[in-house]
Amino acid sequence: MNKHQIKGRLKEAAGEVQEQAGKLVGSEEQEAKGHAREQAGKVQKTAGDAKENLKDVLRESGKH
């Protein structure tokens, strides 16, 4: 697991909490910000996943 995967998961979770809190208090602004943060976290986690997959492929091919 690399730092992008960890940070992405944390950002995704924080965004979900913020989005739900926004819904709870009726703040569309906070809900939207939370959703955006969640999506950014998913992108960052996906980038980290791709990096890990590339490392695995290189390791298996003997090039790393």
Protein backbone atom coordinates (compact mmCIF):
# COMPACT_ATOMS: atom_id res chain seq x y z
CA MET A 1 0.00 0.00 0.00
CA ASN A 2 1.39 3.41 -0.92
CA LYS A 3 0.76 6.92 0.35
CA HIS A 4 -1.65 7.76 -2.48
CA GLN A 5 -3.87 4.83 -1.59
CA ILE A 6 -3.90 5.76 2.09
CA LYS A 7 -4.46 9.48 1.55
CA GLY A 8 -7.13 8.74 -1.04
CA ARG A 9 -9.04 6.46 1.30
CA LEU A 10 -8.85 9.00 4.12
CA LYS A 11 -10.02 11.81 1.84
CA GLU A 12 -12.83 9.62 0.52
CA ALA A 13 -14.02 8.79 4.04
CA ALA A 14 -13.79 12.41 5.20
CA GLY A 15 -15.76 13.51 2.16
CA GLU A 16 -18.49 10.97 2.88
CA VAL A 17 -18.74 12.22 6.47
CA GLN A 18 -18.88 15.84 5.30
CA GLU A 19 -21.51 15.00 2.69
CA GLN A 20 -23.70 13.18 5.22
CA ALA A 21 -23.27 15.99 7.76
CA GLY A 22 -24.35 18.47 5.08
CA LYS A 23 -27.47 16.40 4.41
CA LEU A 24 -28.19 16.15 8.12
CA VAL A 25 -28.08 19.91 8.71
CA GLY A 26 -29.62 20.79 5.35
CA SER A 27 -26.53 22.48 3.90
CA GLU A 28 -26.33 21.86 0.17
CA GLU A 29 -22.97 23.64 0.10
CA GLN A 30 -21.40 21.26 2.65
CA GLU A 31 -23.03 18.30 0.96
CA ALA A 32 -21.52 19.33 -2.40
CA LYS A 33 -18.10 19.99 -0.88
CA GLY A 34 -18.18 16.60 0.80
CA HIS A 35 -19.12 14.88 -2.42
CA ALA A 36 -16.31 16.63 -4.29
CA ARG A 37 -13.83 15.66 -1.57
CA GLU A 38 -15.03 12.06 -1.71
CA GLN A 39 -14.59 11.94 -5.49
CA ALA A 40 -11.10 13.46 -5.24
CA GLY A 41 -10.22 10.77 -2.74
CA LYS A 42 -11.43 8.06 -5.10
CA VAL A 43 -9.27 9.48 -7.90
CA GLN A 44 -6.21 9.66 -5.64
CA LYS A 45 -6.78 6.09 -4.41
CA THR A 46 -7.17 4.86 -7.98
CA ALA A 47 -3.89 6.53 -8.93
CA GLY A 48 -2.23 4.78 -5.99
CA ASP A 49 -3.76 1.47 -7.05
CA ALA A 50 -2.39 1.93 -10.57
CA LYS A 51 1.06 2.71 -9.19
CA GLU A 52 1.00 -0.44 -7.05
CA ASN A 53 -0.18 -2.54 -10.00
CA LEU A 54 2.65 -1.21 -12.16
CA LYS A 55 5.17 -2.04 -9.44
CA ASP A 56 3.76 -5.58 -9.26
CA VAL A 57 3.97 -6.04 -13.03
CA LEU A 58 7.55 -4.78 -13.13
CA ARG A 59 8.51 -6.96 -10.19
CA GLU A 60 6.96 -10.05 -11.80
CA SER A 61 8.71 -9.37 -15.10
CA GLY A 62 12.06 -9.07 -13.34
CA LYS A 63 12.61 -5.46 -14.31
CA HIS A 64 12.39 -4.00 -10.81
